[in-house]
Amino acid sequence: VVSTQSTGVYISAFPLHDSTLVEPEEDVLDPNSAAESDRQKLYRGWGRFAMWKNAQPLDHIRRYFGEKVSLYFCWLGFYTTWLIVPSAVGVICFLYGIVTYNQNEIADGICNNRKDFLMCPRCDECHFEILDCKGVRVAHLFDNNFTVAFSVFMSIWARLFLEFWKREQSSKAFEWDTLGFEGQDEPPRPQYEQKATETVVNPVTMKTEPSIPNTARYPRLASAFMVSLFMISLVIAAVIGVIVYRLAIRGIIAKTSLS
């Protein structure tokens, strides 16, 4: 379908549904339900906001949309479920900031000092700004002593999430009989085949595959290399600029203190 559409055989294509959205009264998630099609089951048991609290009918999604779409929603539900724990820990971190709102030594040192703390201008034409006492106290709600523990927790959580998702993915792949599927089994994209006018032998699989001519490949590689080189140079220049700026400000502060 995509290949013939990319070559201009026809303009667009739309999938045909096998039934209307007539809502049967039976439980649509019951395998013995008298619902007419998977479309009706998905519409009642999954495609509504009121169904957010229910588990996703992944088997129905797989039969209607295929394994790729079903695996995506499987990952989305798994990720959302795992976010409950870090969300609760984040709320605890925020509550800790509220409890210790008036116990911030940095904010007390700024707010109780009679002198104003001047901040560097944000631009060449900007003026010096006075460090706001309330802003420092509000920042304590999100950046406090508990934030360090929360960062360590998130590092451990990220690793555990990745490992448990690998187990869940393998389980679904075995259940849906896609355990031996590899990305190399997928055919080339029609857009790529349209531009690949040559064929070469893959040194790994020893199979003949379509390939883009070097006359069209090298200009693209050169343009991508130039853009990447420009971005890397921009980052290096920004880092050097920040270092020079900090050294200059430090020298000015040192001269001011000596005078």
C-alpha atoms as a PDB file:
ATOM      1  CA  VAL A   1       0.000   0.000   0.000  1.00  0.00           C
ATOM      2  CA  VAL A   2       2.702   2.477   0.977  1.00  0.00           C
ATOM      3  CA  SER A   3       4.835   1.524  -2.024  1.00  0.00           C
ATOM      4  CA  THR A   4       2.084   2.099  -4.569  1.00  0.00           C
ATOM      5  CA  GLN A   5       1.056   5.281  -2.815  1.00  0.00           C
ATOM      6  CA  SER A   6       4.623   6.669  -2.886  1.00  0.00           C
ATOM      7  CA  THR A   7       4.951   5.964  -6.609  1.00  0.00           C
ATOM      8  CA  GLY A   8       1.750   7.895  -7.332  1.00  0.00           C
ATOM      9  CA  VAL A   9      -0.528   4.997  -8.287  1.00  0.00           C
ATOM     10  CA  TYR A  10      -3.174   6.526  -6.035  1.00  0.00           C
ATOM     11  CA  ILE A  11      -3.260   9.558  -3.773  1.00  0.00           C
ATOM     12  CA  SER A  12      -4.427   8.193  -0.441  1.00  0.00           C
ATOM     13  CA  ALA A  13      -5.848   5.106   1.261  1.00  0.00           C
ATOM     14  CA  PHE A  14      -8.203   4.572   4.173  1.00  0.00           C
ATOM     15  CA  PRO A  15      -8.747   1.320   6.096  1.00  0.00           C
ATOM     16  CA  LEU A  16     -12.244  -0.150   5.958  1.00  0.00           C
ATOM     17  CA  HIS A  17     -13.884  -1.099   9.255  1.00  0.00           C
ATOM     18  CA  ASP A  18     -15.858  -4.287   9.462  1.00  0.00           C
ATOM     19  CA  SER A  19     -18.752  -2.929  11.515  1.00  0.00           C
ATOM     20  CA  THR A  20     -20.419   0.141  12.944  1.00  0.00           C
ATOM     21  CA  LEU A  21     -20.029   1.460  16.466  1.00  0.00           C
ATOM     22  CA  VAL A  22     -23.214  -0.134  17.748  1.00  0.00           C
ATOM     23  CA  GLU A  23     -22.774  -0.625  21.474  1.00  0.00           C
ATOM     24  CA  PRO A  24     -23.809  -4.075  22.690  1.00  0.00           C
ATOM     25  CA  GLU A  25     -24.914  -4.375  26.283  1.00  0.00           C
ATOM     26  CA  GLU A  26     -22.667  -7.337  27.091  1.00  0.00           C
ATOM     27  CA  ASP A  27     -19.257  -6.989  28.724  1.00  0.00           C
ATOM     28  CA  VAL A  28     -16.945  -6.298  25.798  1.00  0.00           C
ATOM     29  CA  LEU A  29     -13.828  -7.528  27.600  1.00  0.00           C
ATOM     30  CA  ASP A  30     -15.393 -10.945  28.145  1.00  0.00           C
ATOM     31  CA  PRO A  31     -14.107 -13.450  25.530  1.00  0.00           C
ATOM     32  CA  ASN A  32     -17.604 -14.984  25.436  1.00  0.00           C
ATOM     33  CA  SER A  33     -19.213 -11.623  24.692  1.00  0.00           C
ATOM     34  CA  ALA A  34     -21.646 -11.389  21.810  1.00  0.00           C
ATOM     35  CA  ALA A  35     -20.063  -8.188  20.490  1.00  0.00           C
ATOM     36  CA  GLU A  36     -19.823  -8.152  16.718  1.00  0.00           C
ATOM     37  CA  SER A  37     -16.203  -7.059  16.272  1.00  0.00           C
ATOM     38  CA  ASP A  38     -13.015  -5.990  17.987  1.00  0.00           C
ATOM     39  CA  ARG A  39     -13.748  -2.426  16.946  1.00  0.00           C
ATOM     40  CA  GLN A  40     -16.812  -2.321  19.187  1.00  0.00           C
ATOM     41  CA  LYS A  41     -14.879  -3.901  22.029  1.00  0.00           C
ATOM     42  CA  LEU A  42     -12.124  -1.328  21.763  1.00  0.00           C
ATOM     43  CA  TYR A  43     -14.613   1.515  21.498  1.00  0.00           C
ATOM     44  CA  ARG A  44     -16.428   0.558  24.706  1.00  0.00           C
ATOM     45  CA  GLY A  45     -13.604  -0.893  26.758  1.00  0.00           C
ATOM     46  CA  TRP A  46     -10.626   1.244  25.701  1.00  0.00           C
ATOM     47  CA  GLY A  47     -11.392   4.270  23.526  1.00  0.00           C
ATOM     48  CA  ARG A  48     -13.157   6.292  26.229  1.00  0.00           C
ATOM     49  CA  PHE A  49     -11.868   8.591  28.917  1.00  0.00           C
ATOM     50  CA  ALA A  50     -13.988   6.814  31.539  1.00  0.00           C
ATOM     51  CA  MET A  51     -11.953   3.644  30.932  1.00  0.00           C
ATOM     52  CA  TRP A  52      -8.667   5.180  32.176  1.00  0.00           C
ATOM     53  CA  LYS A  53      -8.794   3.163  35.384  1.00  0.00           C
ATOM     54  CA  ASN A  54      -9.111  -0.190  33.601  1.00  0.00           C
ATOM     55  CA  ALA A  55      -6.296  -2.299  32.226  1.00  0.00           C
ATOM     56  CA  GLN A  56      -5.667  -1.954  28.503  1.00  0.00           C
ATOM     57  CA  PRO A  57      -7.114  -4.760  26.339  1.00  0.00           C
ATOM     58  CA  LEU A  58      -3.794  -5.442  24.629  1.00  0.00           C
ATOM     59  CA  ASP A  59      -5.000  -8.624  22.946  1.00  0.00           C
ATOM     60  CA  HIS A  60      -7.878  -6.769  21.277  1.00  0.00           C
ATOM     61  CA  ILE A  61      -5.512  -3.965  20.260  1.00  0.00           C
ATOM     62  CA  ARG A  62      -3.157  -6.519  18.769  1.00  0.00           C
ATOM     63  CA  ARG A  63      -5.877  -8.211  16.726  1.00  0.00           C
ATOM     64  CA  TYR A  64      -7.203  -4.900  15.425  1.00  0.00           C
ATOM     65  CA  PHE A  65      -4.048  -2.782  14.950  1.00  0.00           C
ATOM     66  CA  GLY A  66      -1.233  -5.350  14.906  1.00  0.00           C
ATOM     67  CA  GLU A  67       1.721  -6.212  17.124  1.00  0.00           C
ATOM     68  CA  LYS A  68       3.616  -2.935  16.647  1.00  0.00           C
ATOM     69  CA  VAL A  69       0.793  -0.702  17.815  1.00  0.00           C
ATOM     70  CA  SER A  70      -0.121  -3.058  20.630  1.00  0.00           C
ATOM     71  CA  LEU A  71       3.476  -3.178  21.861  1.00  0.00           C
ATOM     72  CA  TYR A  72       3.595   0.626  21.853  1.00  0.00           C
ATOM     73  CA  PHE A  73       0.515   0.877  24.064  1.00  0.00           C
ATOM     74  CA  CYS A  74       1.916  -1.906  26.231  1.00  0.00           C
ATOM     75  CA  TRP A  75       5.035   0.197  26.813  1.00  0.00           C
ATOM     76  CA  LEU A  76       2.940   3.321  27.392  1.00  0.00           C
ATOM     77  CA  GLY A  77       0.838   1.609  30.070  1.00  0.00           C
ATOM     78  CA  PHE A  78       3.885   0.019  31.680  1.00  0.00           C
ATOM     79  CA  TYR A  79       5.720   3.353  31.797  1.00  0.00           C
ATOM     80  CA  THR A  80       2.696   5.202  33.182  1.00  0.00           C
ATOM     81  CA  THR A  81       2.252   2.606  35.916  1.00  0.00           C
ATOM     82  CA  TRP A  82       5.887   2.820  36.925  1.00  0.00           C
ATOM     83  CA  LEU A  83       5.644   6.617  37.145  1.00  0.00           C
ATOM     84  CA  ILE A  84       3.316   6.318  40.148  1.00  0.00           C
ATOM     85  CA  VAL A  85       6.170   5.624  42.582  1.00  0.00           C
ATOM     86  CA  PRO A  86       8.482   8.515  41.503  1.00  0.00           C
ATOM     87  CA  SER A  87       5.460  10.814  41.460  1.00  0.00           C
ATOM     88  CA  ALA A  88       4.730   9.927  45.080  1.00  0.00           C
ATOM     89  CA  VAL A  89       8.384  10.461  46.025  1.00  0.00           C
ATOM     90  CA  GLY A  90       8.343  13.811  44.208  1.00  0.00           C
ATOM     91  CA  VAL A  91       5.293  14.880  46.230  1.00  0.00           C
ATOM     92  CA  ILE A  92       7.136  13.911  49.416  1.00  0.00           C
ATOM     93  CA  CYS A  93      10.087  16.021  48.277  1.00  0.00           C
ATOM     94  CA  PHE A  94       7.764  18.971  47.708  1.00  0.00           C
ATOM     95  CA  LEU A  95       6.099  18.506  51.104  1.00  0.00           C
ATOM     96  CA  TYR A  96       9.527  18.420  52.729  1.00  0.00           C
ATOM     97  CA  GLY A  97      10.251  21.781  51.130  1.00  0.00           C
ATOM     98  CA  ILE A  98       7.005  23.165  52.561  1.00  0.00           C
ATOM     99  CA  VAL A  99       7.743  21.859  56.064  1.00  0.00           C
ATOM    100  CA  THR A 100      11.278  23.288  56.024  1.00  0.00           C
ATOM    101  CA  TYR A 101      10.224  26.524  54.305  1.00  0.00           C
ATOM    102  CA  ASN A 102      11.288  28.697  57.250  1.00  0.00           C
ATOM    103  CA  GLN A 103      14.405  26.637  58.028  1.00  0.00           C
ATOM    104  CA  ASN A 104      16.425  27.522  54.955  1.00  0.00           C
ATOM    105  CA  GLU A 105      19.774  28.923  56.100  1.00  0.00           C
ATOM    106  CA  ILE A 106      20.647  30.345  52.677  1.00  0.00           C
ATOM    107  CA  ALA A 107      17.352  32.212  52.445  1.00  0.00           C
ATOM    108  CA  ASP A 108      17.711  33.435  56.036  1.00  0.00           C
ATOM    109  CA  GLY A 109      21.179  34.761  55.289  1.00  0.00           C
ATOM    110  CA  ILE A 110      19.879  36.686  52.276  1.00  0.00           C
ATOM    111  CA  CYS A 111      16.616  37.910  53.791  1.00  0.00           C
ATOM    112  CA  ASN A 112      18.039  38.912  57.201  1.00  0.00           C
ATOM    113  CA  ASN A 113      20.970  40.789  55.688  1.00  0.00           C
ATOM    114  CA  ARG A 114      20.458  44.513  55.459  1.00  0.00           C
ATOM    115  CA  LYS A 115      22.573  44.788  52.324  1.00  0.00           C
ATOM    116  CA  ASP A 116      21.212  44.081  48.848  1.00  0.00           C
ATOM    117  CA  PHE A 117      22.784  41.300  46.816  1.00  0.00           C
ATOM    118  CA  LEU A 118      23.260  42.455  43.234  1.00  0.00           C
ATOM    119  CA  MET A 119      22.960  39.922  40.414  1.00  0.00           C
ATOM    120  CA  CYS A 120      24.871  40.245  37.149  1.00  0.00           C
ATOM    121  CA  PRO A 121      22.911  41.697  34.202  1.00  0.00           C
ATOM    122  CA  ARG A 122      21.303  39.207  31.856  1.00  0.00           C
ATOM    123  CA  CYS A 123      22.334  41.165  28.763  1.00  0.00           C
ATOM    124  CA  ASP A 124      24.572  44.041  27.727  1.00  0.00           C
ATOM    125  CA  GLU A 125      21.769  46.598  27.960  1.00  0.00           C
ATOM    126  CA  CYS A 126      20.212  45.172  31.136  1.00  0.00           C
ATOM    127  CA  HIS A 127      20.749  46.584  34.617  1.00  0.00           C
ATOM    128  CA  PHE A 128      21.872  44.914  37.807  1.00  0.00           C
ATOM    129  CA  GLU A 129      19.091  43.103  39.615  1.00  0.00           C
ATOM    130  CA  ILE A 130      18.602  42.698  43.362  1.00  0.00           C
ATOM    131  CA  LEU A 131      18.378  39.089  44.536  1.00  0.00           C
ATOM    132  CA  ASP A 132      14.784  38.532  45.597  1.00  0.00           C
ATOM    133  CA  CYS A 133      14.329  37.058  49.056  1.00  0.00           C
ATOM    134  CA  LYS A 134      10.954  35.508  48.231  1.00  0.00           C
ATOM    135  CA  GLY A 135      12.317  33.919  45.092  1.00  0.00           C
ATOM    136  CA  VAL A 136      15.028  32.147  47.069  1.00  0.00           C
ATOM    137  CA  ARG A 137      12.473  30.831  49.547  1.00  0.00           C
ATOM    138  CA  VAL A 138      10.158  29.623  46.779  1.00  0.00           C
ATOM    139  CA  ALA A 139      13.092  27.859  45.078  1.00  0.00           C
ATOM    140  CA  HIS A 140      13.611  25.942  48.320  1.00  0.00           C
ATOM    141  CA  LEU A 141      10.306  24.150  47.707  1.00  0.00           C
ATOM    142  CA  PHE A 142      11.766  22.396  44.676  1.00  0.00           C
ATOM    143  CA  ASP A 143      15.496  22.459  45.465  1.00  0.00           C
ATOM    144  CA  ASN A 144      16.093  21.330  49.048  1.00  0.00           C
ATOM    145  CA  ASN A 145      18.095  18.701  50.917  1.00  0.00           C
ATOM    146  CA  PHE A 146      15.640  15.970  49.937  1.00  0.00           C
ATOM    147  CA  THR A 147      16.305  16.660  46.245  1.00  0.00           C
ATOM    148  CA  VAL A 148      19.639  14.818  46.474  1.00  0.00           C
ATOM    149  CA  ALA A 149      17.929  11.684  47.763  1.00  0.00           C
ATOM    150  CA  PHE A 150      15.276  12.054  45.073  1.00  0.00           C
ATOM    151  CA  SER A 151      17.990  12.217  42.380  1.00  0.00           C
ATOM    152  CA  VAL A 152      19.602   9.031  43.672  1.00  0.00           C
ATOM    153  CA  PHE A 153      16.203   7.354  43.768  1.00  0.00           C
ATOM    154  CA  MET A 154      15.464   8.351  40.163  1.00  0.00           C
ATOM    155  CA  SER A 155      18.799   6.898  39.011  1.00  0.00           C
ATOM    156  CA  ILE A 156      17.951   3.550  40.606  1.00  0.00           C
ATOM    157  CA  TRP A 157      14.364   3.740  39.346  1.00  0.00           C
ATOM    158  CA  ALA A 158      15.473   4.332  35.751  1.00  0.00           C
ATOM    159  CA  ARG A 159      17.696   1.258  35.798  1.00  0.00           C
ATOM    160  CA  LEU A 160      15.022  -0.945  37.360  1.00  0.00           C
ATOM    161  CA  PHE A 161      12.423   0.305  34.898  1.00  0.00           C
ATOM    162  CA  LEU A 162      14.628  -0.599  31.953  1.00  0.00           C
ATOM    163  CA  GLU A 163      15.333  -4.117  33.226  1.00  0.00           C
ATOM    164  CA  PHE A 164      11.718  -4.875  34.110  1.00  0.00           C
ATOM    165  CA  TRP A 165      10.541  -3.524  30.759  1.00  0.00           C
ATOM    166  CA  LYS A 166      12.898  -5.946  29.024  1.00  0.00           C
ATOM    167  CA  ARG A 167      11.200  -8.780  30.909  1.00  0.00           C
ATOM    168  CA  GLU A 168       7.744  -7.471  30.019  1.00  0.00           C
ATOM    169  CA  GLN A 169       8.708  -7.026  26.368  1.00  0.00           C
ATOM    170  CA  SER A 170      10.093 -10.561  26.152  1.00  0.00           C
ATOM    171  CA  SER A 171       6.951 -11.912  27.804  1.00  0.00           C
ATOM    172  CA  LYS A 172       4.684 -10.168  25.301  1.00  0.00           C
ATOM    173  CA  ALA A 173       6.883 -11.196  22.388  1.00  0.00           C
ATOM    174  CA  PHE A 174       6.606 -14.837  23.494  1.00  0.00           C
ATOM    175  CA  GLU A 175       2.867 -14.535  24.036  1.00  0.00           C
ATOM    176  CA  TRP A 176       2.268 -12.932  20.626  1.00  0.00           C
ATOM    177  CA  ASP A 177       4.672 -15.274  18.805  1.00  0.00           C
ATOM    178  CA  THR A 178       7.060 -12.498  17.755  1.00  0.00           C
ATOM    179  CA  LEU A 179      10.037 -13.628  19.820  1.00  0.00           C
ATOM    180  CA  GLY A 180      12.214 -14.432  16.801  1.00  0.00           C
ATOM    181  CA  PHE A 181      11.321 -11.276  14.892  1.00  0.00           C
ATOM    182  CA  GLU A 182      14.269  -9.101  13.927  1.00  0.00           C
ATOM    183  CA  GLY A 183      14.377  -5.656  12.413  1.00  0.00           C
ATOM    184  CA  GLN A 184      16.220  -7.065   9.390  1.00  0.00           C
ATOM    185  CA  ASP A 185      13.090  -9.005   8.421  1.00  0.00           C
ATOM    186  CA  GLU A 186      11.298  -5.763   7.622  1.00  0.00           C
ATOM    187  CA  PRO A 187      11.300  -4.741   3.954  1.00  0.00           C
ATOM    188  CA  PRO A 188      12.970  -1.453   2.997  1.00  0.00           C
ATOM    189  CA  ARG A 189      10.847   1.659   3.093  1.00  0.00           C
ATOM    190  CA  PRO A 190       9.172   2.497  -0.224  1.00  0.00           C
ATOM    191  CA  GLN A 191      10.651   6.011  -0.099  1.00  0.00           C
ATOM    192  CA  TYR A 192      14.111   4.443   0.152  1.00  0.00           C
ATOM    193  CA  GLU A 193      13.473   1.938  -2.621  1.00  0.00           C
ATOM    194  CA  GLN A 194      12.352   4.736  -4.901  1.00  0.00           C
ATOM    195  CA  LYS A 195      15.727   6.495  -4.526  1.00  0.00           C
ATOM    196  CA  ALA A 196      17.859   3.326  -4.349  1.00  0.00           C
ATOM    197  CA  THR A 197      18.583   2.632  -8.012  1.00  0.00           C
ATOM    198  CA  GLU A 198      21.531   0.273  -7.387  1.00  0.00           C
ATOM    199  CA  THR A 199      21.940  -3.061  -5.652  1.00  0.00           C
ATOM    200  CA  VAL A 200      24.836  -4.216  -3.477  1.00  0.00           C
ATOM    201  CA  VAL A 201      25.653  -7.382  -1.546  1.00  0.00           C
ATOM    202  CA  ASN A 202      25.402  -6.978   2.220  1.00  0.00           C
ATOM    203  CA  PRO A 203      28.716  -8.272   3.696  1.00  0.00           C
ATOM    204  CA  VAL A 204      26.917  -9.465   6.851  1.00  0.00           C
ATOM    205  CA  THR A 205      23.850 -11.234   5.466  1.00  0.00           C
ATOM    206  CA  MET A 206      25.328 -11.891   2.001  1.00  0.00           C
ATOM    207  CA  LYS A 207      22.023 -10.822   0.476  1.00  0.00           C
ATOM    208  CA  THR A 208      21.427  -8.403  -2.379  1.00  0.00           C
ATOM    209  CA  GLU A 209      19.936  -5.165  -1.097  1.00  0.00           C
ATOM    210  CA  PRO A 210      18.952  -1.876  -2.756  1.00  0.00           C
ATOM    211  CA  SER A 211      21.444   0.939  -2.308  1.00  0.00           C
ATOM    212  CA  ILE A 212      21.589   4.665  -3.044  1.00  0.00           C
ATOM    213  CA  PRO A 213      24.287   5.657  -5.598  1.00  0.00           C
ATOM    214  CA  ASN A 214      27.403   7.328  -4.243  1.00  0.00           C
ATOM    215  CA  THR A 215      26.722  10.444  -6.321  1.00  0.00           C
ATOM    216  CA  ALA A 216      23.577  11.011  -4.234  1.00  0.00           C
ATOM    217  CA  ARG A 217      24.943   9.672  -0.940  1.00  0.00           C
ATOM    218  CA  TYR A 218      28.161  11.674  -0.590  1.00  0.00           C
ATOM    219  CA  PRO A 219      26.535  15.146  -0.876  1.00  0.00           C
ATOM    220  CA  ARG A 220      24.107  14.188   1.888  1.00  0.00           C
ATOM    221  CA  LEU A 221      26.892  12.862   4.101  1.00  0.00           C
ATOM    222  CA  ALA A 222      28.927  16.016   3.488  1.00  0.00           C
ATOM    223  CA  SER A 223      26.016  18.305   4.373  1.00  0.00           C
ATOM    224  CA  ALA A 224      25.241  16.293   7.516  1.00  0.00           C
ATOM    225  CA  PHE A 225      28.920  16.407   8.514  1.00  0.00           C
ATOM    226  CA  MET A 226      29.085  20.182   8.023  1.00  0.00           C
ATOM    227  CA  VAL A 227      25.953  20.760  10.096  1.00  0.00           C
ATOM    228  CA  SER A 228      27.266  18.513  12.884  1.00  0.00           C
ATOM    229  CA  LEU A 229      30.654  20.225  12.791  1.00  0.00           C
ATOM    230  CA  PHE A 230      28.991  23.638  13.013  1.00  0.00           C
ATOM    231  CA  MET A 231      26.904  22.581  16.028  1.00  0.00           C
ATOM    232  CA  ILE A 232      29.941  21.103  17.803  1.00  0.00           C
ATOM    233  CA  SER A 233      31.952  24.268  17.118  1.00  0.00           C
ATOM    234  CA  LEU A 234      29.066  26.346  18.454  1.00  0.00           C
ATOM    235  CA  VAL A 235      29.012  24.361  21.695  1.00  0.00           C
ATOM    236  CA  ILE A 236      32.801  24.631  22.099  1.00  0.00           C
ATOM    237  CA  ALA A 237      32.645  28.377  21.477  1.00  0.00           C
ATOM    238  CA  ALA A 238      29.873  28.750  24.055  1.00  0.00           C
ATOM    239  CA  VAL A 239      31.890  26.809  26.656  1.00  0.00           C
ATOM    240  CA  ILE A 240      35.006  28.887  25.988  1.00  0.00           C
ATOM    241  CA  GLY A 241      32.924  32.074  26.191  1.00  0.00           C
ATOM    242  CA  VAL A 242      31.513  31.080  29.567  1.00  0.00           C
ATOM    243  CA  ILE A 243      35.021  30.312  30.887  1.00  0.00           C
ATOM    244  CA  VAL A 244      36.422  33.629  29.638  1.00  0.00           C
ATOM    245  CA  TYR A 245      33.429  35.491  31.079  1.00  0.00           C
ATOM    246  CA  ARG A 246      33.876  33.891  34.502  1.00  0.00           C
ATOM    247  CA  LEU A 247      37.602  34.673  34.513  1.00  0.00           C
ATOM    248  CA  ALA A 248      36.928  38.284  33.542  1.00  0.00           C
ATOM    249  CA  ILE A 249      34.270  38.708  36.236  1.00  0.00           C
ATOM    250  CA  ARG A 250      36.544  37.111  38.809  1.00  0.00           C
ATOM    251  CA  GLY A 251      39.333  39.544  37.861  1.00  0.00           C
ATOM    252  CA  ILE A 252      36.981  42.517  38.142  1.00  0.00           C
ATOM    253  CA  ILE A 253      35.760  41.358  41.546  1.00  0.00           C
ATOM    254  CA  ALA A 254      39.360  40.876  42.727  1.00  0.00           C
ATOM    255  CA  LYS A 255      40.335  44.405  41.621  1.00  0.00           C
ATOM    256  CA  THR A 256      37.249  45.851  43.277  1.00  0.00           C
ATOM    257  CA  SER A 257      37.976  44.120  46.576  1.00  0.00           C
ATOM    258  CA  LEU A 258      41.620  45.311  46.540  1.00  0.00           C
ATOM    259  CA  SER A 259      40.623  48.882  45.838  1.00  0.00           C
END
